[in-house]
Amino acid sequence: MNRHFLYSLIGTVAGSMGLPVTAADHSAQKRMNVLLVMCDDLRPELGCYGVEAIHTPHIDRFASQSLVFEHAYCNIPVSGASRASLFTGMYPKFPHRFVNYTSRIGHDAPDAIVLSQWFTSHGYHTISNGKVIHHVEDKAETWSEVPWRLHPKGYDVYWAEYNKWELWLNSESGRHINPKTMRGPFAEIADVPDTAYDDGHVMQKTIADLRRLKSLNTPFFLACGFWKPHLPFCAPKKYWDLYDRDRIPMAHNRYRSKGLPSAVKNSNEINAYARVAAPTDEAFLREVKHGYYACVSYVDALFGRVMDELTALGLADNTIVILLGDHGWNLGEHGFVGKHNLMDNSTRIPLIVHVPGMEQGKTASMVELVDLYPTLCDLCHLPKPSAQLEGKSFLPVLRNKSTEIKQHVFVQWEGGDNLVDSRYSYAEWPKSGQQMLFDHQIDASENRNVVRDTQYLKVADEAAKKIRQQKKKYRLEAE
């Protein structure tokens, strides 16, 4: 469909509802800009989340001036589907909608109005840099400018061809190739500048756009998607040098949780790379965590430069800034390395939101990624495509951090349904009848499944009932 016709159609529909649709309609009230920063595979492994061993000074400084959500969750622990869910405000629906990394909004929910589309149609200048929506061509026409990536053919080609060789900068890396996938090592230490890797270019492009956007007489929605800390763990040497590998704290529970259902599995993602040992190998796990930490510190530095530029340009006082991870990641806990399951380390994410004049500090309010779309609409004084949105605005939390907008969040993965509230995490797999329940009040590390314990039977039954209600309310039942 022609983009301008599409936006005209949206405007006609919104206008028929008595809603504003152009920048001119909002001339009486200056709308805030939006800077959305997304990091791939970033779990809440940050100083501002209480992790003392990691070096994230720039994110921590930002967090000190923002609201840190301590109980934020993705809706599915895989990038393609998670980002599709975020940008539509719609839950995954196994096995039909947003189920894995190949998920495309244009295929799974072709009639959905994506977040960028809604902002563009309401007078915002919208830009996508780096890895934002997983597939570069997916809903590309909804942005004001063609989505920018260093490799414009997108991440399908990025994985299939580019990822075999060119992600690695050391000649030594070429000597360690996985013969099945032709990919290099899962980690690399290269003595190169920040701009040698892709994320450095994303940072440069985002800064250049901020300088250009400052002169526009229109609000902007700028999305900056960093690839790291996603595999492979390739970061400039100076970020590896921040850590003594032997002193990095390791997971204390490198064993499978007692009573864990067989449906909860390890991810095989890292096995596509070279020099991968068994997950129980101490040296391997130390290199994994060291590499992850180095990549997080690398992204932290890049984020800091973007934020410094935002401030230098005088844009900070009128810009909403959001930093988030698209899902979590396991760093050896329960013998897992990666995401792709319903453990808390796979599904809990960092979410840090700065809105000028609103709450700072930390909040225990439960939120999930489907809540971001309606929240941004509220913050920017836009109407909402309410018939589509399944999340709930957390604007009340940004006004008062003790406010609760929901009692639980809902996550899916490969036929499993997961309900998480302020104390419990319950999951069930209807096809196999498997269940798991963790009491985070006494077992935050999820080391023992208590679903069969007598004192928890009622808790499990109530959680199962809530899942059925949730799936019925949003028509998420398998058809």
Protein backbone atom coordinates (compact mmCIF):
# COMPACT_ATOMS: atom_id res chain seq x y z
CA MET A 1 0.00 0.00 0.00
CA ASN A 2 1.27 3.51 -0.80
CA ARG A 3 2.64 5.07 2.37
CA HIS A 4 1.01 8.47 1.87
CA PHE A 5 -2.34 6.84 1.12
CA LEU A 6 -1.95 4.74 4.25
CA TYR A 7 -1.24 7.75 6.44
CA SER A 8 -4.13 9.61 4.85
CA LEU A 9 -6.36 6.68 5.70
CA ILE A 10 -5.15 6.65 9.30
CA GLY A 11 -5.73 10.39 9.50
CA THR A 12 -9.26 10.02 8.15
CA VAL A 13 -10.10 7.35 10.70
CA ALA A 14 -8.59 9.32 13.57
CA GLY A 15 -10.30 12.48 12.38
CA SER A 16 -13.67 10.72 12.35
CA MET A 17 -13.07 9.94 16.00
CA GLY A 18 -12.46 13.60 16.75
CA LEU A 19 -8.75 13.01 17.33
CA PRO A 20 -5.80 15.22 16.35
CA VAL A 21 -3.74 13.91 13.46
CA THR A 22 -1.19 16.54 12.47
CA ALA A 23 1.58 18.57 14.07
CA ALA A 24 -0.41 21.73 13.40
CA ASP A 25 -3.29 20.42 15.48
CA HIS A 26 -0.92 20.31 18.44
CA SER A 27 0.52 23.81 18.02
CA ALA A 28 -0.98 24.88 21.34
CA GLN A 29 0.95 22.23 23.21
CA LYS A 30 4.55 21.46 22.35
CA ARG A 31 5.02 17.72 22.22
CA MET A 32 8.10 16.01 23.56
CA ASN A 33 10.61 14.17 21.41
CA VAL A 34 11.29 10.47 21.93
CA LEU A 35 14.70 8.77 21.97
CA LEU A 36 14.24 5.00 22.23
CA VAL A 37 17.46 3.05 22.84
CA MET A 38 17.23 -0.73 22.50
CA CYS A 39 19.93 -3.25 23.42
CA ASP A 40 19.81 -6.85 22.23
CA ASP A 41 20.02 -9.59 24.89
CA LEU A 42 20.54 -7.09 27.72
CA ARG A 43 19.33 -8.39 31.06
CA PRO A 44 19.29 -6.18 34.20
CA GLU A 45 23.02 -6.79 34.67
CA LEU A 46 23.79 -3.13 35.37
CA GLY A 47 25.14 -1.12 38.25
CA CYS A 48 21.80 0.65 38.67
CA TYR A 49 20.17 -2.74 39.21
CA GLY A 50 22.56 -3.56 42.04
CA VAL A 51 25.24 -5.48 40.11
CA GLU A 52 28.46 -4.11 41.56
CA ALA A 53 30.87 -6.13 39.42
CA ILE A 54 29.89 -4.57 36.10
CA HIS A 55 31.10 -1.20 34.79
CA THR A 56 28.16 0.83 33.44
CA PRO A 57 28.82 4.42 34.60
CA HIS A 58 26.90 6.13 31.79
CA ILE A 59 23.76 4.04 32.13
CA ASP A 60 23.98 4.38 35.91
CA ARG A 61 24.22 8.17 35.62
CA PHE A 62 21.20 8.17 33.33
CA ALA A 63 19.33 5.91 35.75
CA SER A 64 20.01 8.30 38.63
CA GLN A 65 17.96 10.91 36.76
CA SER A 66 15.26 8.49 35.57
CA LEU A 67 12.76 5.92 36.77
CA VAL A 68 14.19 2.40 36.97
CA PHE A 69 11.61 -0.38 36.61
CA GLU A 70 12.72 -3.31 38.75
CA HIS A 71 9.98 -5.65 37.54
CA ALA A 72 9.85 -5.15 33.77
CA TYR A 73 9.39 -8.13 31.45
CA CYS A 74 9.43 -8.95 27.78
CA ASN A 75 6.46 -10.89 26.40
CA ILE A 76 8.56 -13.51 24.63
CA PRO A 77 12.30 -14.22 25.05
CA VAL A 78 13.49 -13.90 21.45
CA SER A 79 14.32 -10.75 19.51
CA GLY A 80 12.12 -10.92 16.41
CA ALA A 81 8.92 -11.71 18.24
CA SER A 82 9.66 -9.48 21.24
CA ARG A 83 10.26 -6.43 19.09
CA ALA A 84 7.17 -7.16 17.00
CA SER A 85 5.14 -7.32 20.20
CA LEU A 86 6.60 -4.04 21.46
CA PHE A 87 5.98 -2.17 18.20
CA THR A 88 2.37 -3.33 17.90
CA GLY A 89 1.39 -3.37 21.57
CA MET A 90 0.06 -6.89 20.99
CA TYR A 91 0.85 -10.09 22.89
CA PRO A 92 2.43 -13.07 21.16
CA LYS A 93 -0.08 -15.75 20.24
CA PHE A 94 1.42 -19.21 19.90
CA PRO A 95 1.63 -20.68 17.29
CA HIS A 96 0.19 -17.96 15.05
CA ARG A 97 1.69 -14.59 15.95
CA PHE A 98 5.12 -13.42 17.12
CA VAL A 99 6.58 -16.81 18.05
CA ASN A 100 10.29 -16.74 17.12
CA TYR A 101 13.14 -14.70 15.65
CA THR A 102 11.71 -14.93 12.12
CA SER A 103 8.47 -13.20 13.15
CA ARG A 104 7.43 -10.30 10.95
CA ILE A 105 4.69 -7.85 11.78
CA GLY A 106 3.80 -7.62 8.10
CA HIS A 107 3.10 -11.35 8.03
CA ASP A 108 1.79 -12.08 11.53
CA ALA A 109 -0.27 -8.92 12.04
CA PRO A 110 -0.51 -7.20 8.64
CA ASP A 111 -3.30 -4.85 9.70
CA ALA A 112 -1.59 -3.68 12.87
CA ILE A 113 -0.61 -0.02 13.13
CA VAL A 114 2.98 -0.09 14.33
CA LEU A 115 4.33 2.44 16.80
CA SER A 116 6.48 4.23 14.22
CA GLN A 117 3.51 4.43 11.84
CA TRP A 118 1.29 5.98 14.48
CA PHE A 119 3.86 8.61 15.40
CA THR A 120 4.64 9.42 11.77
CA SER A 121 0.96 9.88 10.98
CA HIS A 122 0.63 12.30 13.90
CA GLY A 123 3.32 14.71 12.82
CA TYR A 124 6.49 13.15 14.21
CA HIS A 125 9.66 12.73 12.18
CA THR A 126 10.58 9.10 12.77
CA ILE A 127 13.97 7.46 12.27
CA SER A 128 15.22 3.90 12.86
CA ASN A 129 18.95 3.26 13.28
CA GLY A 130 20.50 -0.17 13.79
CA LYS A 131 18.52 -3.13 15.07
CA VAL A 132 15.09 -1.80 16.02
CA ILE A 133 12.37 -3.89 14.37
CA HIS A 134 14.20 -7.18 13.87
CA HIS A 135 13.86 -7.42 10.10
CA VAL A 136 14.87 -4.25 8.30
CA GLU A 137 12.21 -4.53 5.60
CA ASP A 138 9.39 -5.28 8.07
CA LYS A 139 7.10 -2.23 8.08
CA ALA A 140 9.96 -0.13 6.70
CA GLU A 141 7.49 2.19 4.99
CA THR A 142 6.15 3.37 8.36
CA TRP A 143 9.22 5.49 9.16
CA SER A 144 9.78 9.00 7.82
CA GLU A 145 13.16 7.85 6.50
CA VAL A 146 14.30 4.48 5.21
CA PRO A 147 15.46 2.43 8.24
CA TRP A 148 19.24 2.66 8.47
CA ARG A 149 21.57 -0.27 8.99
CA LEU A 150 25.21 -0.66 8.13
CA HIS A 151 24.16 -3.79 6.22
CA PRO A 152 20.98 -2.69 4.46
CA LYS A 153 19.95 -6.17 3.34
CA GLY A 154 19.11 -6.86 6.96
CA TYR A 155 19.87 -9.43 9.59
CA ASP A 156 18.74 -12.48 7.64
CA VAL A 157 21.66 -11.91 5.29
CA TYR A 158 23.67 -10.65 8.25
CA TRP A 159 23.37 -14.07 9.85
CA ALA A 160 23.53 -16.17 6.70
CA GLU A 161 26.52 -14.53 5.06
CA TYR A 162 28.05 -11.55 6.82
CA ASN A 163 28.14 -13.24 10.21
CA LYS A 164 30.35 -16.02 8.88
CA TRP A 165 33.45 -13.86 8.63
CA GLU A 166 33.23 -10.11 8.84
CA LEU A 167 31.96 -9.60 12.38
CA TRP A 168 35.44 -10.47 13.58
CA LEU A 169 38.34 -8.07 13.19
CA ASN A 170 41.32 -10.11 14.43
CA SER A 171 43.09 -12.31 11.90
CA GLU A 172 43.38 -14.89 14.66
CA SER A 173 39.59 -15.21 14.73
CA GLY A 174 39.66 -16.58 11.19
CA ARG A 175 41.57 -19.60 12.46
CA HIS A 176 38.70 -20.63 14.70
CA ILE A 177 35.71 -21.45 12.54
CA ASN A 178 32.73 -23.64 13.31
CA PRO A 179 32.78 -26.02 10.31
CA LYS A 180 29.01 -26.55 10.41
CA THR A 181 28.01 -22.89 10.39
CA MET A 182 31.21 -21.25 9.15
CA ARG A 183 30.95 -18.75 11.98
CA GLY A 184 33.91 -17.53 13.96
CA PRO A 185 34.47 -17.63 17.73
CA PHE A 186 31.78 -16.58 20.18
CA ALA A 187 34.11 -13.90 21.56
CA GLU A 188 36.86 -11.64 20.28
CA ILE A 189 39.24 -9.14 21.90
CA ALA A 190 40.35 -6.64 19.24
CA ASP A 191 42.47 -3.57 19.93
CA VAL A 192 40.30 -1.27 17.82
CA PRO A 193 38.37 2.00 18.30
CA ASP A 194 34.71 2.08 19.26
CA THR A 195 33.68 2.73 15.67
CA ALA A 196 35.32 -0.43 14.32
CA TYR A 197 32.27 -2.55 15.14
CA ASP A 198 28.72 -1.99 13.92
CA ASP A 199 27.39 -0.46 17.12
CA GLY A 200 29.94 2.32 16.87
CA HIS A 201 28.44 3.25 13.50
CA VAL A 202 24.94 3.15 14.99
CA MET A 203 26.12 5.60 17.65
CA GLN A 204 27.63 7.92 15.03
CA LYS A 205 24.49 7.85 12.87
CA THR A 206 22.27 8.57 15.89
CA ILE A 207 24.40 11.55 16.92
CA ALA A 208 24.37 12.88 13.35
CA ASP A 209 20.59 12.55 13.29
CA LEU A 210 20.20 14.41 16.58
CA ARG A 211 22.16 17.32 15.13
CA ARG A 212 19.96 17.30 12.04
CA LEU A 213 16.72 16.90 13.96
CA LYS A 214 17.48 19.88 16.18
CA SER A 215 16.83 22.19 13.24
CA LEU A 216 13.51 20.60 12.28
CA ASN A 217 10.36 22.38 13.35
CA THR A 218 8.68 19.12 14.29
CA PRO A 219 8.95 16.61 17.14
CA PHE A 220 10.97 13.48 16.51
CA PHE A 221 10.86 9.80 17.37
CA LEU A 222 14.41 8.47 17.06
CA ALA A 223 15.04 4.76 17.65
CA CYS A 224 18.62 3.61 18.23
CA GLY A 225 19.13 -0.15 18.24
CA PHE A 226 22.44 -1.50 19.51
CA TRP A 227 23.32 -5.07 18.55
CA LYS A 228 25.34 -5.80 21.68
CA PRO A 229 25.52 -7.56 24.05
CA HIS A 230 24.20 -10.13 21.56
CA LEU A 231 26.56 -12.86 20.40
CA PRO A 232 29.28 -12.92 19.25
CA PHE A 233 30.92 -11.09 22.14
CA CYS A 234 33.10 -8.81 20.04
CA ALA A 235 34.07 -5.56 21.75
CA PRO A 236 37.13 -3.29 21.72
CA LYS A 237 39.93 -4.49 23.98
CA LYS A 238 39.64 -1.59 26.42
CA TYR A 239 36.26 -2.89 27.57
CA TRP A 240 37.63 -6.37 28.17
CA ASP A 241 40.44 -4.75 30.15
CA LEU A 242 37.94 -3.33 32.63
CA TYR A 243 37.63 -6.80 34.15
CA ASP A 244 39.82 -9.42 35.73
CA ARG A 245 38.24 -12.59 34.38
CA ASP A 246 39.16 -14.63 37.44
CA ARG A 247 37.40 -12.15 39.73
CA ILE A 248 34.11 -11.86 37.86
CA PRO A 249 31.43 -13.39 40.11
CA MET A 250 30.01 -16.56 38.60
CA ALA A 251 26.51 -17.97 38.93
CA HIS A 252 26.15 -19.82 42.22
CA ASN A 253 23.49 -22.16 40.85
CA ARG A 254 25.02 -23.83 37.81
CA TYR A 255 22.71 -26.81 38.16
CA ARG A 256 19.28 -27.63 36.87
CA SER A 257 16.51 -26.46 39.19
CA LYS A 258 14.96 -29.19 41.28
CA GLY A 259 11.78 -30.43 39.60
CA LEU A 260 12.26 -28.29 36.51
CA PRO A 261 10.00 -29.41 33.63
CA SER A 262 11.70 -30.92 30.60
CA ALA A 263 10.05 -28.17 28.52
CA VAL A 264 12.57 -25.72 30.00
CA LYS A 265 15.65 -26.13 27.84
CA ASN A 266 19.00 -24.54 27.21
CA SER A 267 19.46 -22.36 24.13
CA ASN A 268 21.71 -23.78 21.42
CA GLU A 269 22.52 -20.35 20.01
CA ILE A 270 26.09 -20.18 21.28
CA ASN A 271 26.84 -23.60 19.81
CA ALA A 272 26.76 -22.07 16.34
CA TYR A 273 30.07 -20.38 17.12
CA ALA A 274 33.59 -21.78 17.32
CA ARG A 275 35.53 -22.81 20.46
CA VAL A 276 32.44 -23.65 22.48
CA ALA A 277 32.88 -26.12 25.31
CA ALA A 278 30.22 -27.79 27.44
CA PRO A 279 28.16 -25.37 29.55
CA THR A 280 29.67 -26.84 32.72
CA ASP A 281 33.21 -26.00 31.68
CA GLU A 282 34.54 -23.35 34.08
CA ALA A 283 36.85 -21.63 31.59
CA PHE A 284 34.11 -21.43 28.98
CA LEU A 285 31.60 -19.90 31.39
CA ARG A 286 34.15 -17.37 32.58
CA GLU A 287 34.90 -16.33 29.01
CA VAL A 288 31.17 -16.07 28.29
CA LYS A 289 30.53 -13.80 31.24
CA HIS A 290 33.66 -11.75 30.58
CA GLY A 291 32.59 -11.27 26.97
CA TYR A 292 29.05 -10.33 27.95
CA TYR A 293 30.32 -7.80 30.49
CA ALA A 294 32.74 -6.29 27.95
CA CYS A 295 29.93 -5.86 25.43
CA VAL A 296 27.64 -4.28 28.02
CA SER A 297 30.38 -1.82 28.96
CA TYR A 298 30.94 -1.09 25.27
CA VAL A 299 27.27 -0.26 24.74
CA ASP A 300 27.31 1.77 27.96
CA ALA A 301 30.06 3.99 26.52
CA LEU A 302 28.20 4.42 23.22
CA PHE A 303 24.99 5.28 25.04
CA GLY A 304 26.89 7.83 27.10
CA ARG A 305 28.09 9.60 23.96
CA VAL A 306 24.56 9.74 22.56
CA MET A 307 23.26 11.20 25.82
CA ASP A 308 26.08 13.74 26.01
CA GLU A 309 25.17 14.93 22.51
CA LEU A 310 21.48 15.16 23.40
CA THR A 311 22.41 17.43 26.31
CA ALA A 312 24.92 19.49 24.33
CA LEU A 313 22.30 20.19 21.68
CA GLY A 314 19.86 21.49 24.27
CA LEU A 315 17.34 18.75 23.52
CA ALA A 316 17.34 16.93 26.86
CA ASP A 317 14.70 19.10 28.52
CA ASN A 318 12.11 18.18 25.90
CA THR A 319 13.03 14.57 25.12
CA ILE A 320 11.70 11.36 26.61
CA VAL A 321 14.55 8.85 26.77
CA ILE A 322 13.92 5.13 27.17
CA LEU A 323 16.61 2.47 27.54
CA LEU A 324 15.54 -1.17 27.44
CA GLY A 325 16.54 -4.72 26.63
CA ASP A 326 14.36 -6.79 24.30
CA HIS A 327 14.62 -9.85 26.60
CA GLY A 328 16.99 -11.32 29.15
CA TRP A 329 19.87 -13.79 28.97
CA ASN A 330 21.25 -16.60 31.13
CA LEU A 331 24.91 -16.45 32.17
CA GLY A 332 25.38 -19.97 33.48
CA GLU A 333 22.45 -20.07 35.89
CA HIS A 334 20.99 -23.59 35.95
CA GLY A 335 23.56 -24.55 33.32
CA PHE A 336 21.86 -22.28 30.77
CA VAL A 337 23.69 -19.96 28.37
CA GLY A 338 21.32 -17.81 26.34
CA LYS A 339 17.59 -17.06 26.35
CA HIS A 340 14.78 -19.18 24.85
CA ASN A 341 13.01 -20.37 28.00
CA LEU A 342 10.65 -19.08 30.69
CA MET A 343 13.18 -18.65 33.47
CA ASP A 344 13.28 -15.18 35.01
CA ASN A 345 16.76 -14.48 33.64
CA SER A 346 15.37 -14.96 30.12
CA THR A 347 12.29 -12.79 30.51
CA ARG A 348 13.09 -9.99 32.95
CA ILE A 349 14.54 -6.90 31.30
CA PRO A 350 16.04 -3.53 32.17
CA LEU A 351 13.66 -0.65 31.55
CA ILE A 352 14.82 2.85 32.43
CA VAL A 353 12.63 5.82 31.54
CA HIS A 354 13.46 9.51 31.76
CA VAL A 355 10.62 11.97 31.32
CA PRO A 356 11.52 15.58 32.13
CA GLY A 357 9.63 16.68 35.22
CA MET A 358 8.41 13.20 36.19
CA GLU A 359 9.43 10.57 38.73
CA GLN A 360 12.98 9.43 39.38
CA GLY A 361 14.30 6.56 41.48
CA LYS A 362 13.09 2.96 41.43
CA THR A 363 9.68 1.38 41.14
CA ALA A 364 8.44 -2.12 41.90
CA SER A 365 5.44 -1.69 39.61
CA MET A 366 4.93 -4.62 37.23
CA VAL A 367 5.20 -3.66 33.55
CA GLU A 368 5.73 -5.47 30.25
CA LEU A 369 6.84 -4.42 26.79
CA VAL A 370 3.31 -4.29 25.37
CA ASP A 371 2.74 -1.40 27.79
CA LEU A 372 5.26 0.87 26.06
CA TYR A 373 3.11 1.77 23.03
CA PRO A 374 0.14 3.18 24.99
CA THR A 375 2.51 4.87 27.44
CA LEU A 376 4.31 6.78 24.69
CA CYS A 377 0.99 7.83 23.20
CA ASP A 378 -0.05 9.27 26.56
CA LEU A 379 3.28 11.00 27.15
CA CYS A 380 3.19 12.62 23.71
CA HIS A 381 -0.50 13.56 23.91
CA LEU A 382 -1.48 11.32 21.03
CA PRO A 383 -4.69 9.33 20.70
CA LYS A 384 -4.33 5.56 20.86
CA PRO A 385 -5.41 2.85 18.42
CA SER A 386 -7.18 1.33 21.40
CA ALA A 387 -8.87 -1.53 19.56
CA GLN A 388 -5.42 -2.92 18.78
CA LEU A 389 -3.45 -2.25 21.96
CA GLU A 390 -3.32 -4.99 24.58
CA GLY A 391 -0.93 -3.28 26.97
CA LYS A 392 -1.68 -0.66 29.60
CA SER A 393 -0.12 2.77 29.89
CA PHE A 394 2.27 3.13 32.82
CA LEU A 395 2.01 6.93 32.78
CA PRO A 396 0.49 6.76 36.31
CA VAL A 397 3.71 5.11 37.51
CA LEU A 398 5.82 7.84 35.92
CA ARG A 399 3.76 10.35 37.89
CA ASN A 400 3.86 8.36 41.13
CA LYS A 401 6.34 5.50 41.35
CA SER A 402 4.39 3.71 44.08
CA THR A 403 1.41 3.25 41.74
CA GLU A 404 0.57 -0.22 40.42
CA ILE A 405 -1.11 -0.52 37.03
CA LYS A 406 -1.39 -4.32 36.88
CA GLN A 407 -1.01 -7.33 39.13
CA HIS A 408 0.91 -9.54 36.73
CA VAL A 409 2.65 -9.79 33.36
CA PHE A 410 2.22 -12.47 30.71
CA VAL A 411 4.98 -14.23 28.76
CA GLN A 412 4.90 -17.01 26.15
CA TRP A 413 7.53 -19.34 24.73
CA GLU A 414 7.04 -22.37 22.48
CA GLY A 415 3.63 -23.36 23.79
CA GLY A 416 4.36 -22.39 27.38
CA ASP A 417 2.38 -19.69 29.19
CA ASN A 418 4.02 -17.75 32.03
CA LEU A 419 2.30 -15.51 34.56
CA VAL A 420 4.58 -13.44 36.81
CA ASP A 421 3.40 -11.29 39.69
CA SER A 422 5.19 -9.51 42.52
CA ARG A 423 5.92 -12.82 44.29
CA TYR A 424 5.38 -15.83 42.05
CA SER A 425 6.31 -17.03 38.60
CA TYR A 426 3.96 -19.74 37.33
CA ALA A 427 4.23 -21.45 33.94
CA GLU A 428 2.32 -24.23 32.25
CA TRP A 429 2.53 -26.13 28.99
CA PRO A 430 -1.04 -27.15 28.06
CA LYS A 431 -0.01 -29.71 25.47
CA SER A 432 2.22 -31.73 27.83
CA GLY A 433 0.55 -30.82 31.11
CA GLN A 434 3.85 -29.68 32.64
CA GLN A 435 3.89 -26.90 35.23
CA MET A 436 6.37 -24.91 37.27
CA LEU A 437 6.06 -22.45 40.11
CA PHE A 438 8.76 -20.40 41.80
CA ASP A 439 8.30 -18.39 44.97
CA HIS A 440 10.54 -15.37 44.41
CA GLN A 441 10.09 -14.26 47.99
CA ILE A 442 12.18 -17.17 49.27
CA ASP A 443 13.77 -18.40 46.03
CA ALA A 444 14.65 -15.44 43.83
CA SER A 445 17.17 -17.58 41.91
CA GLU A 446 14.47 -20.11 40.94
CA ASN A 447 16.29 -23.18 42.20
CA ARG A 448 13.27 -25.26 43.23
CA ASN A 449 9.97 -25.85 41.45
CA VAL A 450 7.32 -25.93 44.19
CA VAL A 451 4.25 -26.50 42.01
CA ARG A 452 3.58 -29.90 43.64
CA ASP A 453 4.08 -28.72 47.21
CA THR A 454 0.84 -28.85 49.19
CA GLN A 455 1.10 -25.28 50.48
CA TYR A 456 1.39 -23.96 46.91
CA LEU A 457 -1.42 -25.90 45.22
CA LYS A 458 -3.90 -23.05 45.60
CA VAL A 459 -1.36 -20.54 44.29
CA ALA A 460 -0.79 -22.66 41.19
CA ASP A 461 -4.52 -23.15 40.61
CA GLU A 462 -5.20 -19.42 40.87
CA ALA A 463 -2.34 -18.60 38.51
CA ALA A 464 -3.60 -21.16 35.98
CA LYS A 465 -7.05 -19.59 36.16
CA LYS A 466 -5.57 -16.13 35.52
CA ILE A 467 -3.73 -17.45 32.47
CA ARG A 468 -7.00 -18.80 31.05
CA GLN A 469 -8.66 -15.45 31.70
CA GLN A 470 -5.77 -13.60 30.08
CA LYS A 471 -5.84 -15.77 26.96
CA LYS A 472 -9.60 -15.46 26.65
CA LYS A 473 -9.57 -11.68 27.12
CA TYR A 474 -7.00 -11.13 24.37
CA ARG A 475 -8.05 -14.07 22.18
CA LEU A 476 -4.70 -15.81 22.66
CA GLU A 477 -6.02 -19.37 22.69
CA ALA A 478 -4.48 -21.75 20.15
CA GLU A 479 -6.90 -22.22 17.27
